[in-house]
Amino acid sequence: MRSTPLLLGIAAMLTLAVPSRADLSLIFKTDMSSPDNHVDSGDSLSWNFQLVAGSSGAITLTEVIGSFPIKIDSGNTPTADITFTLYSQFDEQGSPLGSVSLAPSDFTHQFTSTAFDITGFTPQYVPPNGVSDFSIALTSTETPGFYHVKAGDFSSNSAFVNPGTPLGAQGDPPVAAPEPATISLVLTGLAPIALTALWRRRQRKQSTVV
């Protein structure tokens, strides 16, 4: 029973080695009643947002969905896609983390909320109490005036998102989420330390008995 405190200490070390994480899927949308804008070879639309992780644990961004009311201008037939892109910094700066494109056939001549779903990018890890900056954008190479987008009243489904005035200066740059293999290596490295400590304790106990 003497080894119980040591085992508890080892268990605590193993617990600390595995960060608390919550995979996060974000949905952004604009309102149907907002002003009319265009996405084409002369105009693009973008929005900044921050991910704010609280003290309860880290978060990991794994999916971003944008839902925007879009229509094709009456009498026109576009040929170019609309692309939705996620960036690792404000104002479409930094590395494009992922994107998805929808073809003209995905839109009609009536305003309809259309979803762009970005998945498969490197998960973006925000540590506890961390703040990371991102931006999303709609772009197209289409003839000006062919695509109309309701782009106002930008909002999100998550309490982790700050879509308004940035918190302080630029937030911490997002980093890739730690891979399970990394965590395994940490635990593997702790195992010999734990066994060595137990062996030494037994040796001291045997010496005392003798």
N, C-alpha and C. Protein backbone atom coordinates (compact mmCIF):
# COMPACT_ATOMS: atom_id res chain seq x y z
N MET A 1 0.81 -1.21 0.00
CA MET A 1 0.00 0.00 0.00
C MET A 1 0.85 1.27 0.00
N ARG A 2 2.16 1.13 0.38
CA ARG A 2 3.02 2.30 0.42
C ARG A 2 3.19 2.94 -0.95
N SER A 3 3.04 2.15 -2.01
CA SER A 3 3.27 2.67 -3.36
C SER A 3 2.08 3.47 -3.89
N THR A 4 0.98 3.53 -3.12
CA THR A 4 -0.22 4.23 -3.60
C THR A 4 0.04 5.69 -3.94
N PRO A 5 0.71 6.50 -3.08
CA PRO A 5 0.96 7.90 -3.45
C PRO A 5 1.76 8.04 -4.73
N LEU A 6 2.73 7.14 -4.94
CA LEU A 6 3.53 7.20 -6.15
C LEU A 6 2.68 6.92 -7.38
N LEU A 7 1.81 5.90 -7.27
CA LEU A 7 0.95 5.56 -8.39
C LEU A 7 -0.02 6.69 -8.70
N LEU A 8 -0.53 7.36 -7.65
CA LEU A 8 -1.42 8.49 -7.87
C LEU A 8 -0.70 9.62 -8.59
N GLY A 9 0.57 9.84 -8.22
CA GLY A 9 1.35 10.88 -8.88
C GLY A 9 1.56 10.58 -10.35
N ILE A 10 1.84 9.29 -10.64
CA ILE A 10 2.04 8.89 -12.03
C ILE A 10 0.76 9.07 -12.81
N ALA A 11 -0.38 8.70 -12.20
CA ALA A 11 -1.67 8.86 -12.87
C ALA A 11 -1.95 10.33 -13.18
N ALA A 12 -1.57 11.21 -12.25
CA ALA A 12 -1.77 12.65 -12.48
C ALA A 12 -0.92 13.13 -13.64
N MET A 13 0.32 12.63 -13.74
CA MET A 13 1.20 13.00 -14.85
C MET A 13 0.61 12.57 -16.18
N LEU A 14 0.06 11.34 -16.21
CA LEU A 14 -0.52 10.85 -17.45
C LEU A 14 -1.74 11.67 -17.85
N THR A 15 -2.52 12.09 -16.85
CA THR A 15 -3.70 12.92 -17.14
C THR A 15 -3.31 14.25 -17.72
N LEU A 16 -2.25 14.88 -17.16
CA LEU A 16 -1.79 16.17 -17.65
C LEU A 16 -1.23 16.08 -19.06
N ALA A 17 -0.73 14.88 -19.43
CA ALA A 17 -0.12 14.72 -20.74
C ALA A 17 -1.14 14.73 -21.87
N VAL A 18 -2.43 14.51 -21.54
CA VAL A 18 -3.46 14.48 -22.57
C VAL A 18 -4.32 15.73 -22.44
N PRO A 19 -4.20 16.72 -23.36
CA PRO A 19 -4.97 17.96 -23.24
C PRO A 19 -6.46 17.72 -23.44
N SER A 20 -7.27 18.50 -22.73
CA SER A 20 -8.71 18.46 -22.92
C SER A 20 -9.05 19.12 -24.25
N ARG A 21 -9.82 18.43 -25.10
CA ARG A 21 -10.12 18.95 -26.42
C ARG A 21 -11.59 18.79 -26.74
N ALA A 22 -12.11 19.71 -27.50
CA ALA A 22 -13.48 19.60 -28.00
C ALA A 22 -13.46 19.92 -29.48
N ASP A 23 -13.80 18.93 -30.32
CA ASP A 23 -13.86 19.17 -31.76
C ASP A 23 -15.03 20.09 -32.06
N LEU A 24 -14.79 21.07 -32.91
CA LEU A 24 -15.77 22.12 -33.14
C LEU A 24 -16.13 22.22 -34.61
N SER A 25 -17.42 22.16 -34.90
CA SER A 25 -17.94 22.40 -36.25
C SER A 25 -18.71 23.71 -36.22
N LEU A 26 -18.26 24.68 -37.02
CA LEU A 26 -18.88 26.01 -37.01
C LEU A 26 -19.83 26.19 -38.18
N ILE A 27 -20.93 26.89 -37.92
CA ILE A 27 -21.85 27.29 -38.97
C ILE A 27 -21.97 28.81 -38.96
N PHE A 28 -21.68 29.44 -40.08
CA PHE A 28 -21.84 30.88 -40.22
C PHE A 28 -22.99 31.15 -41.20
N LYS A 29 -23.70 32.24 -40.97
CA LYS A 29 -24.79 32.57 -41.88
C LYS A 29 -24.97 34.09 -41.97
N THR A 30 -25.61 34.52 -43.04
CA THR A 30 -26.04 35.91 -43.19
C THR A 30 -27.56 35.91 -43.36
N ASP A 31 -28.15 37.08 -43.16
CA ASP A 31 -29.60 37.16 -43.10
C ASP A 31 -30.22 37.48 -44.47
N MET A 32 -31.37 36.86 -44.72
CA MET A 32 -32.06 37.05 -46.00
C MET A 32 -32.51 38.50 -46.19
N SER A 33 -32.73 39.22 -45.09
CA SER A 33 -33.23 40.60 -45.20
C SER A 33 -32.11 41.63 -45.30
N SER A 34 -30.87 41.19 -45.33
CA SER A 34 -29.74 42.12 -45.38
C SER A 34 -29.53 42.67 -46.79
N PRO A 35 -28.69 43.70 -46.94
CA PRO A 35 -28.49 44.33 -48.25
C PRO A 35 -27.94 43.38 -49.31
N ASP A 36 -28.20 43.72 -50.55
CA ASP A 36 -27.76 42.93 -51.69
C ASP A 36 -26.31 43.28 -52.04
N ASN A 37 -25.47 42.24 -52.21
CA ASN A 37 -24.07 42.41 -52.62
C ASN A 37 -23.78 41.50 -53.81
N HIS A 38 -22.57 41.63 -54.34
CA HIS A 38 -22.17 40.81 -55.48
C HIS A 38 -20.87 40.05 -55.18
N VAL A 39 -20.75 38.90 -55.81
CA VAL A 39 -19.50 38.13 -55.80
C VAL A 39 -19.16 37.82 -57.25
N ASP A 40 -18.03 38.37 -57.72
CA ASP A 40 -17.67 38.20 -59.13
C ASP A 40 -16.20 38.59 -59.31
N SER A 41 -15.81 38.82 -60.56
CA SER A 41 -14.41 39.15 -60.85
C SER A 41 -14.00 40.50 -60.28
N GLY A 42 -14.97 41.33 -59.93
CA GLY A 42 -14.64 42.64 -59.38
C GLY A 42 -14.96 42.81 -57.92
N ASP A 43 -15.70 41.85 -57.34
CA ASP A 43 -16.12 41.96 -55.94
C ASP A 43 -16.00 40.62 -55.23
N SER A 44 -15.58 40.69 -53.97
CA SER A 44 -15.57 39.50 -53.11
C SER A 44 -16.15 39.91 -51.76
N LEU A 45 -16.48 38.93 -50.96
CA LEU A 45 -17.03 39.17 -49.63
C LEU A 45 -16.20 38.40 -48.61
N SER A 46 -15.89 39.03 -47.48
CA SER A 46 -15.12 38.33 -46.44
C SER A 46 -15.56 38.79 -45.06
N TRP A 47 -15.32 37.93 -44.09
CA TRP A 47 -15.69 38.19 -42.70
C TRP A 47 -14.57 37.69 -41.80
N ASN A 48 -14.25 38.46 -40.76
CA ASN A 48 -13.28 38.05 -39.75
C ASN A 48 -14.00 37.47 -38.54
N PHE A 49 -13.34 36.53 -37.87
CA PHE A 49 -13.87 36.04 -36.61
C PHE A 49 -12.72 35.48 -35.76
N GLN A 50 -12.98 35.38 -34.48
CA GLN A 50 -12.00 34.80 -33.55
C GLN A 50 -12.61 33.58 -32.86
N LEU A 51 -11.76 32.59 -32.61
CA LEU A 51 -12.14 31.48 -31.76
C LEU A 51 -11.58 31.75 -30.37
N VAL A 52 -12.43 31.70 -29.35
CA VAL A 52 -12.03 32.02 -27.98
C VAL A 52 -12.26 30.80 -27.12
N ALA A 53 -11.17 30.18 -26.68
CA ALA A 53 -11.26 29.00 -25.81
C ALA A 53 -11.28 29.45 -24.35
N GLY A 54 -12.21 28.97 -23.59
CA GLY A 54 -12.31 29.33 -22.18
C GLY A 54 -11.36 28.53 -21.32
N SER A 55 -11.48 28.73 -20.02
CA SER A 55 -10.60 28.05 -19.08
C SER A 55 -10.97 26.58 -18.90
N SER A 56 -12.13 26.17 -19.38
CA SER A 56 -12.57 24.79 -19.19
C SER A 56 -11.85 23.80 -20.11
N GLY A 57 -11.18 24.29 -21.15
CA GLY A 57 -10.45 23.38 -22.02
C GLY A 57 -10.19 23.95 -23.40
N ALA A 58 -9.38 23.23 -24.16
CA ALA A 58 -9.02 23.64 -25.51
C ALA A 58 -10.15 23.30 -26.48
N ILE A 59 -10.11 23.91 -27.65
CA ILE A 59 -11.03 23.56 -28.72
C ILE A 59 -10.25 23.31 -30.00
N THR A 60 -10.82 22.49 -30.87
CA THR A 60 -10.17 22.14 -32.12
C THR A 60 -11.15 22.31 -33.27
N LEU A 61 -10.85 23.24 -34.15
CA LEU A 61 -11.73 23.52 -35.29
C LEU A 61 -11.53 22.47 -36.37
N THR A 62 -12.61 21.76 -36.74
CA THR A 62 -12.51 20.68 -37.71
C THR A 62 -13.42 20.86 -38.93
N GLU A 63 -14.37 21.79 -38.85
CA GLU A 63 -15.31 21.97 -39.97
C GLU A 63 -15.87 23.39 -39.93
N VAL A 64 -16.03 23.98 -41.11
CA VAL A 64 -16.64 25.32 -41.22
C VAL A 64 -17.69 25.28 -42.34
N ILE A 65 -18.92 25.65 -41.98
CA ILE A 65 -20.02 25.70 -42.94
C ILE A 65 -20.48 27.14 -43.07
N GLY A 66 -20.61 27.60 -44.29
CA GLY A 66 -21.15 28.93 -44.54
C GLY A 66 -22.48 28.82 -45.27
N SER A 67 -23.51 29.46 -44.74
CA SER A 67 -24.83 29.42 -45.36
C SER A 67 -25.23 30.84 -45.74
N PHE A 68 -25.34 31.10 -47.04
CA PHE A 68 -25.56 32.45 -47.54
C PHE A 68 -26.71 32.47 -48.56
N PRO A 69 -27.63 33.45 -48.46
CA PRO A 69 -28.66 33.59 -49.48
C PRO A 69 -28.02 34.10 -50.78
N ILE A 70 -28.10 33.30 -51.83
CA ILE A 70 -27.46 33.64 -53.11
C ILE A 70 -28.46 33.41 -54.25
N LYS A 71 -28.39 34.26 -55.27
CA LYS A 71 -29.20 34.04 -56.46
C LYS A 71 -28.41 34.47 -57.70
N ILE A 72 -28.85 33.96 -58.86
CA ILE A 72 -28.31 34.37 -60.16
C ILE A 72 -29.18 35.50 -60.69
N ASP A 73 -28.53 36.51 -61.24
CA ASP A 73 -29.27 37.65 -61.79
C ASP A 73 -30.19 37.20 -62.92
N SER A 74 -31.40 37.73 -62.91
CA SER A 74 -32.39 37.35 -63.93
C SER A 74 -31.86 37.62 -65.35
N GLY A 75 -32.02 36.63 -66.20
CA GLY A 75 -31.62 36.78 -67.59
C GLY A 75 -30.17 36.43 -67.85
N ASN A 76 -29.39 36.15 -66.81
CA ASN A 76 -27.97 35.83 -66.99
C ASN A 76 -27.71 34.35 -66.71
N THR A 77 -26.68 33.82 -67.35
CA THR A 77 -26.29 32.42 -67.17
C THR A 77 -24.80 32.36 -66.83
N PRO A 78 -24.46 32.30 -65.55
CA PRO A 78 -23.05 32.27 -65.16
C PRO A 78 -22.39 30.95 -65.54
N THR A 79 -21.09 31.00 -65.69
CA THR A 79 -20.31 29.79 -66.01
C THR A 79 -19.24 29.50 -64.96
N ALA A 80 -18.95 30.47 -64.07
CA ALA A 80 -17.89 30.30 -63.06
C ALA A 80 -18.47 29.90 -61.71
N ASP A 81 -17.69 29.15 -60.94
CA ASP A 81 -18.09 28.72 -59.60
C ASP A 81 -18.01 29.88 -58.61
N ILE A 82 -18.61 29.67 -57.44
CA ILE A 82 -18.36 30.51 -56.27
C ILE A 82 -17.57 29.67 -55.27
N THR A 83 -16.49 30.24 -54.74
CA THR A 83 -15.59 29.50 -53.83
C THR A 83 -15.65 30.11 -52.43
N PHE A 84 -15.75 29.23 -51.45
CA PHE A 84 -15.78 29.59 -50.04
C PHE A 84 -14.46 29.12 -49.43
N THR A 85 -13.69 30.05 -48.81
CA THR A 85 -12.34 29.73 -48.32
C THR A 85 -12.18 30.14 -46.86
N LEU A 86 -11.48 29.30 -46.10
CA LEU A 86 -11.13 29.58 -44.70
C LEU A 86 -9.65 29.94 -44.63
N TYR A 87 -9.33 31.07 -43.96
CA TYR A 87 -7.95 31.54 -43.83
C TYR A 87 -7.52 31.53 -42.36
N SER A 88 -6.21 31.44 -42.15
CA SER A 88 -5.66 31.32 -40.79
C SER A 88 -5.41 32.67 -40.12
N GLN A 89 -5.76 33.78 -40.79
CA GLN A 89 -5.62 35.11 -40.20
C GLN A 89 -6.78 35.99 -40.66
N PHE A 90 -6.85 37.20 -40.09
CA PHE A 90 -7.86 38.17 -40.52
C PHE A 90 -7.62 38.60 -41.97
N ASP A 91 -8.68 39.13 -42.60
CA ASP A 91 -8.60 39.81 -43.90
C ASP A 91 -7.98 38.96 -45.00
N GLU A 92 -8.33 37.68 -45.00
CA GLU A 92 -7.88 36.74 -46.05
C GLU A 92 -6.36 36.65 -46.12
N GLN A 93 -5.70 36.86 -44.98
CA GLN A 93 -4.25 36.75 -44.91
C GLN A 93 -3.88 35.37 -44.34
N GLY A 94 -2.60 35.07 -44.37
CA GLY A 94 -2.15 33.78 -43.86
C GLY A 94 -2.44 32.66 -44.84
N SER A 95 -2.32 31.46 -44.36
CA SER A 95 -2.49 30.30 -45.23
C SER A 95 -3.96 29.97 -45.43
N PRO A 96 -4.38 29.70 -46.69
CA PRO A 96 -5.73 29.16 -46.89
C PRO A 96 -5.78 27.75 -46.28
N LEU A 97 -6.65 27.55 -45.32
CA LEU A 97 -6.71 26.26 -44.62
C LEU A 97 -7.55 25.25 -45.39
N GLY A 98 -8.53 25.73 -46.13
CA GLY A 98 -9.39 24.84 -46.90
C GLY A 98 -10.40 25.66 -47.69
N SER A 99 -10.98 25.03 -48.70
CA SER A 99 -11.98 25.73 -49.51
C SER A 99 -12.90 24.72 -50.17
N VAL A 100 -14.04 25.23 -50.63
CA VAL A 100 -14.99 24.40 -51.38
C VAL A 100 -15.66 25.30 -52.41
N SER A 101 -15.94 24.76 -53.58
CA SER A 101 -16.57 25.53 -54.66
C SER A 101 -17.91 24.92 -55.05
N LEU A 102 -18.88 25.78 -55.36
CA LEU A 102 -20.17 25.35 -55.86
C LEU A 102 -20.35 25.86 -57.29
N ALA A 103 -20.93 25.01 -58.13
CA ALA A 103 -21.11 25.34 -59.54
C ALA A 103 -22.37 26.18 -59.75
N PRO A 104 -22.48 26.84 -60.90
CA PRO A 104 -23.69 27.63 -61.20
C PRO A 104 -24.98 26.83 -61.06
N SER A 105 -24.92 25.54 -61.31
CA SER A 105 -26.13 24.71 -61.20
C SER A 105 -26.63 24.57 -59.77
N ASP A 106 -25.81 24.97 -58.80
CA ASP A 106 -26.22 24.91 -57.38
C ASP A 106 -27.05 26.12 -56.97
N PHE A 107 -27.22 27.09 -57.88
CA PHE A 107 -27.95 28.32 -57.56
C PHE A 107 -29.13 28.49 -58.52
N THR A 108 -30.10 29.32 -58.10
CA THR A 108 -31.28 29.59 -58.92
C THR A 108 -31.43 31.10 -59.10
N HIS A 109 -32.51 31.50 -59.71
CA HIS A 109 -32.78 32.93 -59.91
C HIS A 109 -33.57 33.53 -58.75
N GLN A 110 -33.73 32.76 -57.67
CA GLN A 110 -34.36 33.24 -56.44
C GLN A 110 -33.36 33.12 -55.29
N PHE A 111 -33.40 34.08 -54.36
CA PHE A 111 -32.50 34.00 -53.21
C PHE A 111 -32.81 32.74 -52.40
N THR A 112 -31.80 31.90 -52.27
CA THR A 112 -31.92 30.65 -51.51
C THR A 112 -30.68 30.49 -50.64
N SER A 113 -30.86 30.16 -49.37
CA SER A 113 -29.70 29.92 -48.49
C SER A 113 -28.98 28.67 -48.96
N THR A 114 -27.73 28.86 -49.34
CA THR A 114 -26.93 27.78 -49.91
C THR A 114 -25.73 27.51 -49.01
N ALA A 115 -25.49 26.24 -48.71
CA ALA A 115 -24.44 25.86 -47.75
C ALA A 115 -23.15 25.46 -48.46
N PHE A 116 -22.04 26.03 -47.99
CA PHE A 116 -20.68 25.65 -48.40
C PHE A 116 -20.05 24.95 -47.20
N ASP A 117 -19.56 23.74 -47.38
CA ASP A 117 -19.05 22.95 -46.25
C ASP A 117 -17.56 22.64 -46.45
N ILE A 118 -16.72 23.23 -45.59
CA ILE A 118 -15.27 23.00 -45.67
C ILE A 118 -14.87 21.97 -44.61
N THR A 119 -14.34 20.84 -45.06
CA THR A 119 -13.84 19.80 -44.16
C THR A 119 -12.50 19.30 -44.70
N GLY A 120 -11.87 18.42 -43.94
CA GLY A 120 -10.64 17.79 -44.41
C GLY A 120 -9.38 18.61 -44.24
N PHE A 121 -9.48 19.82 -43.66
CA PHE A 121 -8.26 20.62 -43.43
C PHE A 121 -7.60 20.19 -42.13
N THR A 122 -6.35 20.61 -41.95
CA THR A 122 -5.64 20.28 -40.72
C THR A 122 -6.37 20.90 -39.53
N PRO A 123 -6.81 20.08 -38.56
CA PRO A 123 -7.55 20.64 -37.41
C PRO A 123 -6.77 21.77 -36.74
N GLN A 124 -7.47 22.85 -36.43
CA GLN A 124 -6.84 24.04 -35.84
C GLN A 124 -7.09 24.06 -34.33
N TYR A 125 -5.99 23.97 -33.58
CA TYR A 125 -6.05 23.81 -32.13
C TYR A 125 -5.89 25.16 -31.43
N VAL A 126 -6.83 25.47 -30.54
CA VAL A 126 -6.77 26.69 -29.73
C VAL A 126 -6.66 26.26 -28.27
N PRO A 127 -5.56 26.58 -27.58
CA PRO A 127 -5.35 26.09 -26.22
C PRO A 127 -6.31 26.75 -25.23
N PRO A 128 -6.43 26.20 -24.03
CA PRO A 128 -7.28 26.82 -23.00
C PRO A 128 -6.92 28.30 -22.82
N ASN A 129 -7.93 29.14 -22.75
CA ASN A 129 -7.77 30.59 -22.60
C ASN A 129 -7.13 31.26 -23.82
N GLY A 130 -6.98 30.53 -24.92
CA GLY A 130 -6.36 31.09 -26.13
C GLY A 130 -7.38 31.79 -27.01
N VAL A 131 -6.87 32.68 -27.86
CA VAL A 131 -7.69 33.40 -28.84
C VAL A 131 -6.97 33.32 -30.19
N SER A 132 -7.65 32.83 -31.22
CA SER A 132 -7.04 32.71 -32.54
C SER A 132 -7.90 33.40 -33.59
N ASP A 133 -7.23 34.05 -34.55
CA ASP A 133 -7.90 34.82 -35.59
C ASP A 133 -8.06 34.00 -36.87
N PHE A 134 -9.22 34.17 -37.51
CA PHE A 134 -9.50 33.52 -38.78
C PHE A 134 -10.30 34.48 -39.67
N SER A 135 -10.44 34.13 -40.93
CA SER A 135 -11.37 34.83 -41.82
C SER A 135 -11.91 33.84 -42.83
N ILE A 136 -13.09 34.17 -43.37
CA ILE A 136 -13.71 33.36 -44.43
C ILE A 136 -14.08 34.30 -45.57
N ALA A 137 -14.14 33.77 -46.78
CA ALA A 137 -14.40 34.63 -47.94
C ALA A 137 -15.16 33.89 -49.02
N LEU A 138 -15.99 34.64 -49.74
CA LEU A 138 -16.65 34.17 -50.95
C LEU A 138 -16.03 34.90 -52.15
N THR A 139 -15.60 34.14 -53.14
CA THR A 139 -14.97 34.72 -54.33
C THR A 139 -15.49 34.02 -55.59
N SER A 140 -15.33 34.71 -56.72
CA SER A 140 -15.70 34.13 -58.01
C SER A 140 -15.00 34.92 -59.11
N THR A 141 -14.85 34.27 -60.24
CA THR A 141 -14.29 34.95 -61.42
C THR A 141 -15.39 35.29 -62.42
N GLU A 142 -16.64 35.22 -61.97
CA GLU A 142 -17.79 35.45 -62.86
C GLU A 142 -17.89 36.90 -63.32
N THR A 143 -18.63 37.12 -64.41
CA THR A 143 -18.91 38.46 -64.92
C THR A 143 -19.62 39.28 -63.85
N PRO A 144 -19.20 40.53 -63.64
CA PRO A 144 -19.83 41.36 -62.61
C PRO A 144 -21.35 41.45 -62.76
N GLY A 145 -22.03 41.30 -61.62
CA GLY A 145 -23.49 41.44 -61.59
C GLY A 145 -24.26 40.15 -61.77
N PHE A 146 -23.58 39.04 -62.08
CA PHE A 146 -24.30 37.79 -62.33
C PHE A 146 -24.76 37.12 -61.03
N TYR A 147 -23.93 37.19 -59.95
CA TYR A 147 -24.27 36.58 -58.67
C TYR A 147 -24.64 37.66 -57.65
N HIS A 148 -25.76 37.46 -56.95
CA HIS A 148 -26.19 38.36 -55.87
C HIS A 148 -26.13 37.59 -54.55
N VAL A 149 -25.64 38.25 -53.50
CA VAL A 149 -25.51 37.62 -52.18
C VAL A 149 -26.02 38.57 -51.10
N LYS A 150 -26.85 38.06 -50.20
CA LYS A 150 -27.26 38.80 -49.00
C LYS A 150 -26.17 38.57 -47.95
N ALA A 151 -25.38 39.61 -47.66
CA ALA A 151 -24.16 39.40 -46.88
C ALA A 151 -24.16 40.05 -45.50
N GLY A 152 -25.31 40.62 -45.06
CA GLY A 152 -25.33 41.31 -43.77
C GLY A 152 -25.75 40.43 -42.61
N ASP A 153 -25.64 40.98 -41.38
CA ASP A 153 -26.01 40.28 -40.14
C ASP A 153 -25.27 38.95 -40.01
N PHE A 154 -23.97 39.01 -40.15
CA PHE A 154 -23.10 37.83 -40.05
C PHE A 154 -23.15 37.28 -38.63
N SER A 155 -23.39 35.97 -38.49
CA SER A 155 -23.49 35.37 -37.16
C SER A 155 -23.03 33.92 -37.20
N SER A 156 -22.86 33.34 -35.99
CA SER A 156 -22.39 31.96 -35.87
C SER A 156 -23.26 31.21 -34.88
N ASN A 157 -23.18 29.87 -34.95
CA ASN A 157 -23.95 29.02 -34.04
C ASN A 157 -23.20 28.71 -32.75
N SER A 158 -21.98 29.21 -32.58
CA SER A 158 -21.13 28.78 -31.46
C SER A 158 -20.80 29.92 -30.51
N ALA A 159 -20.84 29.61 -29.21
CA ALA A 159 -20.46 30.59 -28.19
C ALA A 159 -18.94 30.80 -28.16
N PHE A 160 -18.19 29.93 -28.83
CA PHE A 160 -16.73 30.08 -28.89
C PHE A 160 -16.30 31.13 -29.91
N VAL A 161 -17.24 31.62 -30.72
CA VAL A 161 -16.91 32.54 -31.80
C VAL A 161 -17.17 33.98 -31.38
N ASN A 162 -16.18 34.85 -31.66
CA ASN A 162 -16.35 36.28 -31.53
C ASN A 162 -16.33 36.87 -32.93
N PRO A 163 -17.52 37.21 -33.49
CA PRO A 163 -17.57 37.72 -34.86
C PRO A 163 -17.48 39.24 -34.94
N GLY A 164 -17.39 39.90 -33.80
CA GLY A 164 -17.42 41.35 -33.78
C GLY A 164 -16.05 41.97 -33.61
N THR A 165 -15.97 43.00 -32.74
CA THR A 165 -14.72 43.69 -32.49
C THR A 165 -13.68 42.73 -31.94
N PRO A 166 -12.48 42.64 -32.54
CA PRO A 166 -11.46 41.70 -32.06
C PRO A 166 -11.11 41.94 -30.59
N LEU A 167 -10.83 40.86 -29.89
CA LEU A 167 -10.42 40.94 -28.50
C LEU A 167 -8.94 41.31 -28.44
N GLY A 168 -8.62 42.54 -28.08
CA GLY A 168 -7.23 42.99 -28.02
C GLY A 168 -6.64 43.07 -29.41
N ALA A 169 -5.33 42.82 -29.49
CA ALA A 169 -4.62 42.82 -30.77
C ALA A 169 -4.84 41.49 -31.45
N GLN A 170 -4.05 41.23 -32.46
CA GLN A 170 -4.14 39.96 -33.15
C GLN A 170 -4.05 38.82 -32.16
N GLY A 171 -4.92 37.84 -32.31
CA GLY A 171 -4.90 36.71 -31.40
C GLY A 171 -3.73 35.79 -31.65
N ASP A 172 -3.63 34.75 -30.83
CA ASP A 172 -2.57 33.77 -31.01
C ASP A 172 -2.77 33.04 -32.32
N PRO A 173 -1.70 32.80 -33.09
CA PRO A 173 -1.88 32.07 -34.34
C PRO A 173 -2.35 30.65 -34.06
N PRO A 174 -3.31 30.15 -34.85
CA PRO A 174 -3.77 28.78 -34.62
C PRO A 174 -2.68 27.80 -34.96
N VAL A 175 -2.72 26.66 -34.30
CA VAL A 175 -1.72 25.61 -34.55
C VAL A 175 -2.45 24.32 -34.82
N ALA A 176 -1.76 23.41 -35.50
CA ALA A 176 -2.36 22.12 -35.78
C ALA A 176 -2.59 21.37 -34.48
N ALA A 177 -3.70 20.65 -34.41
CA ALA A 177 -4.02 19.89 -33.20
C ALA A 177 -2.98 18.79 -32.99
N PRO A 178 -2.60 18.49 -31.72
CA PRO A 178 -1.64 17.43 -31.47
C PRO A 178 -2.18 16.09 -31.92
N GLU A 179 -1.36 15.35 -32.65
CA GLU A 179 -1.79 14.06 -33.14
C GLU A 179 -1.82 13.04 -32.01
N PRO A 180 -2.71 12.01 -32.12
CA PRO A 180 -2.73 10.96 -31.11
C PRO A 180 -1.38 10.29 -30.94
N ALA A 181 -0.60 10.19 -32.04
CA ALA A 181 0.71 9.57 -31.96
C ALA A 181 1.63 10.34 -31.03
N THR A 182 1.51 11.69 -31.03
CA THR A 182 2.32 12.51 -30.15
C THR A 182 2.00 12.23 -28.70
N ILE A 183 0.70 12.12 -28.40
CA ILE A 183 0.29 11.81 -27.04
C ILE A 183 0.80 10.44 -26.62
N SER A 184 0.75 9.48 -27.57
CA SER A 184 1.24 8.14 -27.26
C SER A 184 2.71 8.16 -26.92
N LEU A 185 3.51 8.97 -27.65
CA LEU A 185 4.93 9.06 -27.38
C LEU A 185 5.19 9.62 -25.99
N VAL A 186 4.37 10.61 -25.60
CA VAL A 186 4.53 11.18 -24.26
C VAL A 186 4.29 10.13 -23.20
N LEU A 187 3.21 9.36 -23.38
CA LEU A 187 2.87 8.32 -22.40
C LEU A 187 3.92 7.22 -22.40
N THR A 188 4.41 6.87 -23.60
CA THR A 188 5.46 5.84 -23.69
C THR A 188 6.72 6.29 -22.97
N GLY A 189 7.05 7.56 -23.08
CA GLY A 189 8.22 8.09 -22.40
C GLY A 189 8.07 8.11 -20.90
N LEU A 190 6.86 8.27 -20.40
CA LEU A 190 6.63 8.29 -18.96
C LEU A 190 6.66 6.90 -18.35
N ALA A 191 6.32 5.88 -19.15
CA ALA A 191 6.24 4.53 -18.61
C ALA A 191 7.56 4.05 -18.00
N PRO A 192 8.73 4.16 -18.69
CA PRO A 192 9.99 3.73 -18.08
C PRO A 192 10.30 4.49 -16.78
N ILE A 193 9.96 5.79 -16.75
CA ILE A 193 10.20 6.57 -15.53
C ILE A 193 9.41 5.99 -14.37
N ALA A 194 8.14 5.65 -14.64
CA ALA A 194 7.29 5.09 -13.59
C ALA A 194 7.82 3.75 -13.10
N LEU A 195 8.24 2.87 -14.04
CA LEU A 195 8.76 1.55 -13.66
C LEU A 195 10.05 1.66 -12.88
N THR A 196 10.93 2.59 -13.29
CA THR A 196 12.19 2.79 -12.58
C THR A 196 11.95 3.24 -11.15
N ALA A 197 10.99 4.16 -10.98
CA ALA A 197 10.69 4.65 -9.64
C ALA A 197 10.18 3.54 -8.75
N LEU A 198 9.31 2.67 -9.29
CA LEU A 198 8.79 1.55 -8.50
C LEU A 198 9.90 0.56 -8.14
N TRP A 199 10.81 0.29 -9.10
CA TRP A 199 11.91 -0.64 -8.85
C TRP A 199 12.81 -0.13 -7.73
N ARG A 200 13.16 1.17 -7.79
CA ARG A 200 14.00 1.75 -6.75
C ARG A 200 13.34 1.70 -5.39
N ARG A 201 12.02 1.89 -5.34
CA ARG A 201 11.31 1.84 -4.07
C ARG A 201 11.38 0.44 -3.48
N ARG A 202 11.23 -0.59 -4.35
CA ARG A 202 11.31 -1.97 -3.88
C ARG A 202 12.71 -2.29 -3.37
N GLN A 203 13.73 -1.78 -4.09
CA GLN A 203 15.10 -2.03 -3.68
C GLN A 203 15.38 -1.45 -2.29
N ARG A 204 14.89 -0.21 -2.06
CA ARG A 204 15.08 0.40 -0.75
C ARG A 204 14.36 -0.39 0.34
N LYS A 205 13.15 -0.90 0.01
CA LYS A 205 12.39 -1.67 0.97
C LYS A 205 13.11 -2.95 1.32
N GLN A 206 13.68 -3.64 0.29
CA GLN A 206 14.40 -4.90 0.55
C GLN A 206 15.66 -4.65 1.37
N SER A 207 16.36 -3.56 1.13
CA SER A 207 17.56 -3.22 1.89
C SER A 207 17.22 -2.98 3.34
N THR A 208 16.08 -2.36 3.60
CA THR A 208 15.67 -2.09 4.97
C THR A 208 15.38 -3.38 5.72
N VAL A 209 14.72 -4.33 5.03
CA VAL A 209 14.41 -5.62 5.64
C VAL A 209 15.68 -6.36 6.00
N VAL A 210 16.64 -6.39 5.10
CA VAL A 210 17.91 -7.07 5.36
C VAL A 210 18.64 -6.43 6.53
